[in-house]
C-alpha atoms as a PDB file:
ATOM      1  CA  UNK A   1     -70.472 -44.997   6.703  1.00  0.00           C
ATOM      2  CA  UNK A   2     -68.973 -41.949   8.389  1.00  0.00           C
ATOM      3  CA  UNK A   3     -66.278 -41.553   5.724  1.00  0.00           C
ATOM      4  CA  UNK A   4     -68.772 -41.848   2.874  1.00  0.00           C
ATOM      5  CA  UNK A   5     -70.916 -39.093   4.413  1.00  0.00           C
ATOM      6  CA  UNK A   6     -67.899 -36.826   4.784  1.00  0.00           C
ATOM      7  CA  UNK A   7     -66.957 -37.409   1.158  1.00  0.00           C
ATOM      8  CA  UNK A   8     -70.535 -36.915  -0.024  1.00  0.00           C
ATOM      9  CA  UNK A   9     -70.674 -33.543   1.748  1.00  0.00           C
ATOM     10  CA  UNK A  10     -67.273 -32.706   0.239  1.00  0.00           C
ATOM     11  CA  UNK A  11     -68.665 -33.347  -3.240  1.00  0.00           C
ATOM     12  CA  UNK A  12     -71.621 -31.042  -2.564  1.00  0.00           C
ATOM     13  CA  UNK A  13     -69.338 -28.276  -1.268  1.00  0.00           C
ATOM     14  CA  UNK A  14     -67.056 -28.669  -4.281  1.00  0.00           C
ATOM     15  CA  UNK A  15     -69.995 -28.595  -6.665  1.00  0.00           C
ATOM     16  CA  UNK A  16     -71.396 -25.369  -5.217  1.00  0.00           C
ATOM     17  CA  UNK A  17     -68.105 -23.625  -4.366  1.00  0.00           C
ATOM     18  CA  UNK A  18     -68.471 -21.636  -7.590  1.00  0.00           C
ATOM     19  CA  UNK A  19     -71.938 -20.042  -7.454  1.00  0.00           C
ATOM     20  CA  UNK A  20     -71.969 -19.018 -11.122  1.00  0.00           C
ATOM     21  CA  UNK A  21     -71.028 -22.509 -12.233  1.00  0.00           C
ATOM     22  CA  UNK A  22     -73.547 -24.065  -9.843  1.00  0.00           C
ATOM     23  CA  UNK A  23     -76.422 -21.934 -11.137  1.00  0.00           C
ATOM     24  CA  UNK A  24     -75.536 -22.635 -14.764  1.00  0.00           C
ATOM     25  CA  UNK A  25     -75.149 -26.354 -14.121  1.00  0.00           C
ATOM     26  CA  UNK A  26     -78.413 -26.619 -12.184  1.00  0.00           C
ATOM     27  CA  UNK A  27     -80.259 -24.769 -14.935  1.00  0.00           C
ATOM     28  CA  UNK A  28     -78.844 -26.806 -17.810  1.00  0.00           C
ATOM     29  CA  UNK A  29     -77.227 -30.171 -17.105  1.00  0.00           C
ATOM     30  CA  UNK A  30     -78.048 -31.295 -13.566  1.00  0.00           C
ATOM     31  CA  UNK A  31     -81.392 -32.877 -14.456  1.00  0.00           C
ATOM     32  CA  UNK A  32     -79.968 -34.556 -17.562  1.00  0.00           C
ATOM     33  CA  UNK A  33     -77.085 -36.100 -15.627  1.00  0.00           C
ATOM     34  CA  UNK A  34     -79.240 -37.255 -12.716  1.00  0.00           C
ATOM     35  CA  UNK A  35     -81.820 -38.839 -15.032  1.00  0.00           C
ATOM     36  CA  UNK A  36     -79.256 -40.288 -17.457  1.00  0.00           C
ATOM     37  CA  UNK A  37     -79.877 -43.974 -16.533  1.00  0.00           C
ATOM     38  CA  UNK A  38     -83.580 -43.463 -17.240  1.00  0.00           C
ATOM     39  CA  UNK A  39     -83.116 -41.707 -20.591  1.00  0.00           C
ATOM     40  CA  UNK A  40     -80.027 -43.293 -22.169  1.00  0.00           C
ATOM     41  CA  UNK A  41     -80.516 -46.811 -23.628  1.00  0.00           C
ATOM     42  CA  UNK A  42     -77.492 -48.442 -22.006  1.00  0.00           C
ATOM     43  CA  UNK A  43     -78.611 -47.169 -18.596  1.00  0.00           C
ATOM     44  CA  UNK A  44     -82.181 -48.293 -19.222  1.00  0.00           C
ATOM     45  CA  UNK A  45     -80.988 -51.811 -20.086  1.00  0.00           C
ATOM     46  CA  UNK A  46     -78.860 -52.067 -16.950  1.00  0.00           C
ATOM     47  CA  UNK A  47     -81.741 -50.844 -14.778  1.00  0.00           C
ATOM     48  CA  UNK A  48     -84.096 -53.300 -16.487  1.00  0.00           C
ATOM     49  CA  UNK A  49     -81.898 -56.336 -15.908  1.00  0.00           C
ATOM     50  CA  UNK A  50     -80.752 -55.295 -12.439  1.00  0.00           C
ATOM     51  CA  UNK A  51     -84.252 -54.306 -11.374  1.00  0.00           C
ATOM     52  CA  UNK A  52     -85.619 -57.605 -12.674  1.00  0.00           C
ATOM     53  CA  UNK A  53     -82.982 -59.557 -10.737  1.00  0.00           C
ATOM     54  CA  UNK A  54     -83.776 -57.563  -7.601  1.00  0.00           C
ATOM     55  CA  UNK A  55     -87.519 -58.162  -8.025  1.00  0.00           C
ATOM     56  CA  UNK A  56     -86.975 -61.886  -8.546  1.00  0.00           C
ATOM     57  CA  UNK A  57     -84.941 -62.080  -5.357  1.00  0.00           C
ATOM     58  CA  UNK A  58     -87.638 -60.261  -3.407  1.00  0.00           C
ATOM     59  CA  UNK A  59     -90.347 -62.561  -4.793  1.00  0.00           C
ATOM     60  CA  UNK A  60     -88.309 -65.610  -3.748  1.00  0.00           C
ATOM     61  CA  UNK A  61     -87.144 -64.082  -0.476  1.00  0.00           C
ATOM     62  CA  UNK A  62     -87.665 -67.204   1.634  1.00  0.00           C
ATOM     63  CA  UNK A  63     -85.805 -69.413  -0.851  1.00  0.00           C
ATOM     64  CA  UNK A  64     -82.944 -67.069  -1.776  1.00  0.00           C
ATOM     65  CA  UNK A  65     -82.375 -63.961   0.345  1.00  0.00           C
ATOM     66  CA  UNK A  66     -82.979 -65.303   3.844  1.00  0.00           C
ATOM     67  CA  UNK A  67     -80.973 -68.560   3.558  1.00  0.00           C
ATOM     68  CA  UNK A  68     -78.027 -66.703   2.010  1.00  0.00           C
ATOM     69  CA  UNK A  69     -78.232 -64.026   4.690  1.00  0.00           C
ATOM     70  CA  UNK A  70     -78.266 -66.622   7.445  1.00  0.00           C
ATOM     71  CA  UNK A  71     -75.253 -68.423   6.021  1.00  0.00           C
ATOM     72  CA  UNK A  72     -73.168 -65.274   5.466  1.00  0.00           C
ATOM     73  CA  UNK A  73     -73.969 -63.648   8.809  1.00  0.00           C
ATOM     74  CA  UNK A  74     -73.382 -66.830  10.813  1.00  0.00           C
ATOM     75  CA  UNK A  75     -70.334 -68.190   9.007  1.00  0.00           C
ATOM     76  CA  UNK A  76     -68.746 -64.823   8.198  1.00  0.00           C
ATOM     77  CA  UNK A  77     -66.599 -66.324   5.406  1.00  0.00           C
ATOM     78  CA  UNK A  78     -64.753 -63.044   4.816  1.00  0.00           C
ATOM     79  CA  UNK A  79     -63.655 -62.829   8.428  1.00  0.00           C
ATOM     80  CA  UNK A  80     -61.517 -59.821   9.273  1.00  0.00           C
ATOM     81  CA  UNK A  81     -61.221 -58.965   5.573  1.00  0.00           C
ATOM     82  CA  UNK A  82     -64.747 -57.556   5.618  1.00  0.00           C
ATOM     83  CA  UNK A  83     -63.528 -54.379   7.318  1.00  0.00           C
ATOM     84  CA  UNK A  84     -61.586 -53.565   4.154  1.00  0.00           C
ATOM     85  CA  UNK A  85     -64.762 -54.005   2.151  1.00  0.00           C
ATOM     86  CA  UNK A  86     -66.450 -51.523   4.465  1.00  0.00           C
ATOM     87  CA  UNK A  87     -63.682 -48.991   3.869  1.00  0.00           C
ATOM     88  CA  UNK A  88     -63.598 -49.563   0.117  1.00  0.00           C
ATOM     89  CA  UNK A  89     -67.322 -48.851  -0.033  1.00  0.00           C
ATOM     90  CA  UNK A  90     -66.919 -45.429   1.576  1.00  0.00           C
ATOM     91  CA  UNK A  91     -65.802 -43.729  -1.640  1.00  0.00           C
ATOM     92  CA  UNK A  92     -62.113 -44.095  -0.799  1.00  0.00           C
ATOM     93  CA  UNK A  93     -61.322 -45.665  -4.223  1.00  0.00           C
ATOM     94  CA  UNK A  94     -63.414 -42.976  -5.957  1.00  0.00           C
ATOM     95  CA  UNK A  95     -61.611 -40.163  -4.185  1.00  0.00           C
ATOM     96  CA  UNK A  96     -58.200 -41.822  -4.667  1.00  0.00           C
ATOM     97  CA  UNK A  97     -58.819 -42.156  -8.393  1.00  0.00           C
ATOM     98  CA  UNK A  98     -59.684 -38.467  -8.753  1.00  0.00           C
ATOM     99  CA  UNK A  99     -56.660 -37.459  -6.691  1.00  0.00           C
ATOM    100  CA  UNK A 100     -54.384 -39.678  -8.784  1.00  0.00           C
ATOM    101  CA  UNK A 101     -55.722 -38.187 -12.026  1.00  0.00           C
ATOM    102  CA  UNK A 102     -55.277 -34.664 -10.663  1.00  0.00           C
ATOM    103  CA  UNK A 103     -51.709 -35.324  -9.493  1.00  0.00           C
ATOM    104  CA  UNK A 104     -50.286 -37.797 -11.990  1.00  0.00           C
ATOM    105  CA  UNK A 105     -52.868 -38.395 -14.739  1.00  0.00           C
ATOM    106  CA  UNK A 106     -52.260 -37.826 -18.441  1.00  0.00           C
ATOM    107  CA  UNK A 107     -52.972 -34.174 -19.128  1.00  0.00           C
ATOM    108  CA  UNK A 108     -55.120 -34.861 -22.163  1.00  0.00           C
ATOM    109  CA  UNK A 109     -57.450 -37.170 -20.189  1.00  0.00           C
ATOM    110  CA  UNK A 110     -57.116 -36.214 -16.513  1.00  0.00           C
ATOM    111  CA  UNK A 111     -59.712 -33.422 -16.261  1.00  0.00           C
ATOM    112  CA  UNK A 112     -62.332 -35.371 -18.164  1.00  0.00           C
ATOM    113  CA  UNK A 113     -61.749 -38.447 -15.995  1.00  0.00           C
ATOM    114  CA  UNK A 114     -61.980 -36.444 -12.777  1.00  0.00           C
ATOM    115  CA  UNK A 115     -65.251 -34.895 -13.928  1.00  0.00           C
ATOM    116  CA  UNK A 116     -66.592 -38.280 -15.000  1.00  0.00           C
ATOM    117  CA  UNK A 117     -65.741 -40.050 -11.725  1.00  0.00           C
ATOM    118  CA  UNK A 118     -67.073 -37.079  -9.762  1.00  0.00           C
ATOM    119  CA  UNK A 119     -70.436 -37.180 -11.535  1.00  0.00           C
ATOM    120  CA  UNK A 120     -70.812 -40.962 -11.382  1.00  0.00           C
ATOM    121  CA  UNK A 121     -70.013 -41.039  -7.655  1.00  0.00           C
ATOM    122  CA  UNK A 122     -72.154 -38.019  -6.819  1.00  0.00           C
ATOM    123  CA  UNK A 123     -75.321 -38.950  -8.718  1.00  0.00           C
ATOM    124  CA  UNK A 124     -75.214 -42.664  -7.866  1.00  0.00           C
ATOM    125  CA  UNK A 125     -74.609 -41.854  -4.195  1.00  0.00           C
ATOM    126  CA  UNK A 126     -77.312 -39.192  -4.106  1.00  0.00           C
ATOM    127  CA  UNK A 127     -79.859 -41.491  -5.760  1.00  0.00           C
ATOM    128  CA  UNK A 128     -79.191 -44.219  -3.225  1.00  0.00           C
ATOM    129  CA  UNK A 129     -79.306 -41.700  -0.371  1.00  0.00           C
ATOM    130  CA  UNK A 130     -82.854 -40.681  -1.275  1.00  0.00           C
ATOM    131  CA  UNK A 131     -84.033 -44.205  -2.096  1.00  0.00           C
ATOM    132  CA  UNK A 132     -82.947 -45.396   1.340  1.00  0.00           C
ATOM    133  CA  UNK A 133     -85.134 -42.816   3.023  1.00  0.00           C
ATOM    134  CA  UNK A 134     -88.043 -43.364   0.661  1.00  0.00           C
ATOM    135  CA  UNK A 135     -88.139 -47.166   0.959  1.00  0.00           C
ATOM    136  CA  UNK A 136     -87.196 -47.227   4.651  1.00  0.00           C
ATOM    137  CA  UNK A 137     -86.336 -50.943   4.885  1.00  0.00           C
ATOM    138  CA  UNK A 138     -84.858 -52.170   8.173  1.00  0.00           C
ATOM    139  CA  UNK A 139     -81.365 -53.644   8.061  1.00  0.00           C
ATOM    140  CA  UNK A 140     -80.783 -57.325   8.891  1.00  0.00           C
ATOM    141  CA  UNK A 141     -79.101 -56.362  12.179  1.00  0.00           C
ATOM    142  CA  UNK A 142     -82.168 -54.159  13.000  1.00  0.00           C
ATOM    143  CA  UNK A 143     -79.981 -51.125  13.633  1.00  0.00           C
ATOM    144  CA  UNK A 144     -81.777 -48.625  11.379  1.00  0.00           C
ATOM    145  CA  UNK A 145     -84.037 -48.440   8.328  1.00  0.00           C
ATOM    146  CA  UNK A 146     -81.435 -47.619   5.649  1.00  0.00           C
ATOM    147  CA  UNK A 147     -81.070 -51.094   4.190  1.00  0.00           C
ATOM    148  CA  UNK A 148     -82.293 -50.770   0.591  1.00  0.00           C
ATOM    149  CA  UNK A 149     -80.292 -50.211  -1.531  1.00  0.00           C
ATOM    150  CA  UNK A 150     -76.702 -50.626  -0.333  1.00  0.00           C
ATOM    151  CA  UNK A 151     -74.823 -47.337  -0.472  1.00  0.00           C
ATOM    152  CA  UNK A 152     -71.409 -48.983  -0.157  1.00  0.00           C
ATOM    153  CA  UNK A 153     -72.183 -51.242  -3.095  1.00  0.00           C
ATOM    154  CA  UNK A 154     -73.573 -48.370  -5.164  1.00  0.00           C
ATOM    155  CA  UNK A 155     -70.432 -46.256  -4.886  1.00  0.00           C
ATOM    156  CA  UNK A 156     -68.164 -49.284  -5.336  1.00  0.00           C
ATOM    157  CA  UNK A 157     -69.844 -50.252  -8.608  1.00  0.00           C
ATOM    158  CA  UNK A 158     -69.929 -46.606  -9.703  1.00  0.00           C
ATOM    159  CA  UNK A 159     -66.152 -46.647  -9.284  1.00  0.00           C
ATOM    160  CA  UNK A 160     -65.778 -50.020 -11.019  1.00  0.00           C
ATOM    161  CA  UNK A 161     -67.911 -49.102 -14.028  1.00  0.00           C
ATOM    162  CA  UNK A 162     -66.070 -45.807 -14.536  1.00  0.00           C
ATOM    163  CA  UNK A 163     -62.689 -47.526 -14.293  1.00  0.00           C
ATOM    164  CA  UNK A 164     -63.779 -50.302 -16.652  1.00  0.00           C
ATOM    165  CA  UNK A 165     -64.727 -47.739 -19.305  1.00  0.00           C
ATOM    166  CA  UNK A 166     -61.628 -45.563 -18.943  1.00  0.00           C
ATOM    167  CA  UNK A 167     -59.082 -48.330 -18.269  1.00  0.00           C
ATOM    168  CA  UNK A 168     -60.148 -51.616 -19.854  1.00  0.00           C
ATOM    169  CA  UNK A 169     -57.105 -53.483 -18.488  1.00  0.00           C
ATOM    170  CA  UNK A 170     -58.325 -52.742 -14.949  1.00  0.00           C
ATOM    171  CA  UNK A 171     -61.888 -53.909 -15.558  1.00  0.00           C
ATOM    172  CA  UNK A 172     -61.611 -57.267 -13.760  1.00  0.00           C
ATOM    173  CA  UNK A 173     -59.803 -55.939 -10.636  1.00  0.00           C
ATOM    174  CA  UNK A 174     -62.262 -53.029 -10.379  1.00  0.00           C
ATOM    175  CA  UNK A 175     -65.349 -55.248 -10.520  1.00  0.00           C
ATOM    176  CA  UNK A 176     -63.711 -57.775  -8.202  1.00  0.00           C
ATOM    177  CA  UNK A 177     -63.208 -55.015  -5.631  1.00  0.00           C
ATOM    178  CA  UNK A 178     -66.805 -53.840  -6.030  1.00  0.00           C
ATOM    179  CA  UNK A 179     -68.137 -57.403  -5.649  1.00  0.00           C
ATOM    180  CA  UNK A 180     -66.011 -57.837  -2.539  1.00  0.00           C
ATOM    181  CA  UNK A 181     -67.559 -54.676  -1.086  1.00  0.00           C
ATOM    182  CA  UNK A 182     -71.057 -56.023  -1.717  1.00  0.00           C
ATOM    183  CA  UNK A 183     -70.293 -59.398  -0.133  1.00  0.00           C
ATOM    184  CA  UNK A 184     -68.689 -57.710   2.871  1.00  0.00           C
ATOM    185  CA  UNK A 185     -71.942 -55.863   3.564  1.00  0.00           C
ATOM    186  CA  UNK A 186     -73.873 -59.139   3.677  1.00  0.00           C
ATOM    187  CA  UNK A 187     -71.055 -60.758   5.665  1.00  0.00           C
ATOM    188  CA  UNK A 188     -71.398 -57.988   8.283  1.00  0.00           C
ATOM    189  CA  UNK A 189     -75.196 -58.430   8.392  1.00  0.00           C
ATOM    190  CA  UNK A 190     -75.624 -54.815   7.273  1.00  0.00           C
ATOM    191  CA  UNK A 191     -77.484 -55.572   4.024  1.00  0.00           C
ATOM    192  CA  UNK A 192     -79.530 -58.233   2.296  1.00  0.00           C
ATOM    193  CA  UNK A 193     -78.636 -59.729  -1.066  1.00  0.00           C
ATOM    194  CA  UNK A 194     -81.266 -57.686  -2.922  1.00  0.00           C
ATOM    195  CA  UNK A 195     -79.901 -54.472  -1.354  1.00  0.00           C
ATOM    196  CA  UNK A 196     -76.511 -55.289  -2.823  1.00  0.00           C
ATOM    197  CA  UNK A 197     -77.858 -56.269  -6.249  1.00  0.00           C
ATOM    198  CA  UNK A 198     -79.815 -53.030  -6.538  1.00  0.00           C
ATOM    199  CA  UNK A 199     -76.857 -50.973  -5.341  1.00  0.00           C
ATOM    200  CA  UNK A 200     -74.666 -52.608  -7.987  1.00  0.00           C
ATOM    201  CA  UNK A 201     -77.320 -51.870 -10.588  1.00  0.00           C
ATOM    202  CA  UNK A 202     -77.533 -48.164  -9.718  1.00  0.00           C
ATOM    203  CA  UNK A 203     -73.776 -47.658  -9.641  1.00  0.00           C
ATOM    204  CA  UNK A 204     -73.232 -49.484 -12.939  1.00  0.00           C
ATOM    205  CA  UNK A 205     -76.142 -47.742 -14.659  1.00  0.00           C
ATOM    206  CA  UNK A 206     -74.731 -44.320 -13.808  1.00  0.00           C
ATOM    207  CA  UNK A 207     -71.235 -45.353 -14.868  1.00  0.00           C
ATOM    208  CA  UNK A 208     -72.327 -46.393 -18.355  1.00  0.00           C
ATOM    209  CA  UNK A 209     -75.048 -43.784 -18.859  1.00  0.00           C
ATOM    210  CA  UNK A 210     -72.866 -40.820 -17.874  1.00  0.00           C
ATOM    211  CA  UNK A 211     -70.080 -42.115 -20.127  1.00  0.00           C
ATOM    212  CA  UNK A 212     -72.554 -41.810 -23.006  1.00  0.00           C
ATOM    213  CA  UNK A 213     -73.592 -38.380 -21.725  1.00  0.00           C
ATOM    214  CA  UNK A 214     -70.140 -36.874 -21.366  1.00  0.00           C
ATOM    215  CA  UNK A 215     -68.601 -36.820 -24.829  1.00  0.00           C
ATOM    216  CA  UNK A 216     -70.387 -33.695 -26.028  1.00  0.00           C
ATOM    217  CA  UNK A 217     -68.913 -31.644 -23.166  1.00  0.00           C
ATOM    218  CA  UNK A 218     -65.299 -32.073 -24.247  1.00  0.00           C
ATOM    219  CA  UNK A 219     -64.293 -30.080 -27.318  1.00  0.00           C
ATOM    220  CA  UNK A 220     -61.215 -29.355 -29.403  1.00  0.00           C
ATOM    221  CA  UNK A 221     -60.790 -25.980 -31.096  1.00  0.00           C
ATOM    222  CA  UNK A 222     -58.333 -24.965 -33.798  1.00  0.00           C
ATOM    223  CA  UNK A 223     -57.160 -21.368 -33.254  1.00  0.00           C
ATOM    224  CA  UNK A 224     -55.189 -19.594 -35.999  1.00  0.00           C
ATOM    225  CA  UNK A 225     -51.844 -17.991 -35.096  1.00  0.00           C
ATOM    226  CA  UNK A 226     -48.887 -16.579 -37.042  1.00  0.00           C
ATOM    227  CA  UNK A 227     -47.251 -20.008 -37.294  1.00  0.00           C
ATOM    228  CA  UNK A 228     -50.367 -21.932 -38.270  1.00  0.00           C
ATOM    229  CA  UNK A 229     -52.894 -23.385 -35.859  1.00  0.00           C
ATOM    230  CA  UNK A 230     -53.053 -23.953 -32.121  1.00  0.00           C
ATOM    231  CA  UNK A 231     -55.126 -26.899 -30.948  1.00  0.00           C
ATOM    232  CA  UNK A 232     -56.954 -26.063 -27.723  1.00  0.00           C
ATOM    233  CA  UNK A 233     -58.792 -28.564 -25.570  1.00  0.00           C
ATOM    234  CA  UNK A 234     -61.720 -27.106 -23.629  1.00  0.00           C
ATOM    235  CA  UNK A 235     -63.520 -28.970 -20.865  1.00  0.00           C
ATOM    236  CA  UNK A 236     -67.025 -27.614 -20.300  1.00  0.00           C
ATOM    237  CA  UNK A 237     -67.783 -28.386 -16.653  1.00  0.00           C
END
């Protein structure tokens, strides 16, 4: 959890490092991006189905959540592998993806993909951060009251949904990694099943909703010159 907090603070610093940009973004697009899953149909559908699944689990807590929690925490089927799930849920894949795009990504797509992954990770993580403190549910291991929803799972599925949209050939590995992160949190007795399901829902909803929300910000312009036309790509961030 320490690494995810460091990265979350890094995102905030990066966002507000340019005061002019920050003021313009807060005045115009911040609210639209944060509320995208509530206003864009694909996000609404994901929230509806994921929220319904979460509610069903809560209503059948004694028959579903508690027996599964007891089995996973006692048997620990992931064993030592769960520590890698913990790390993968601390935004390391998200950050690695942005770094890769910055360093080696295709020039025509890299900036847009960095912006997209940045927004998905930031808004999904921030939403979960506030929900944890609002709902105040105690973890299975009784350590604190930040159980619902799972932050690790949220950021893992934010990563997976963004990758699945940008790189369809990597869809299965990305969702497999995200699912492994969610199971590792139950395996370590840090979250209940419904925490993980809701975290997956939030991360996926932001991934798909912000993909729908991003196209209008990327524009091509044709600029006349003495030899004809220059095509310029402008990323409005």
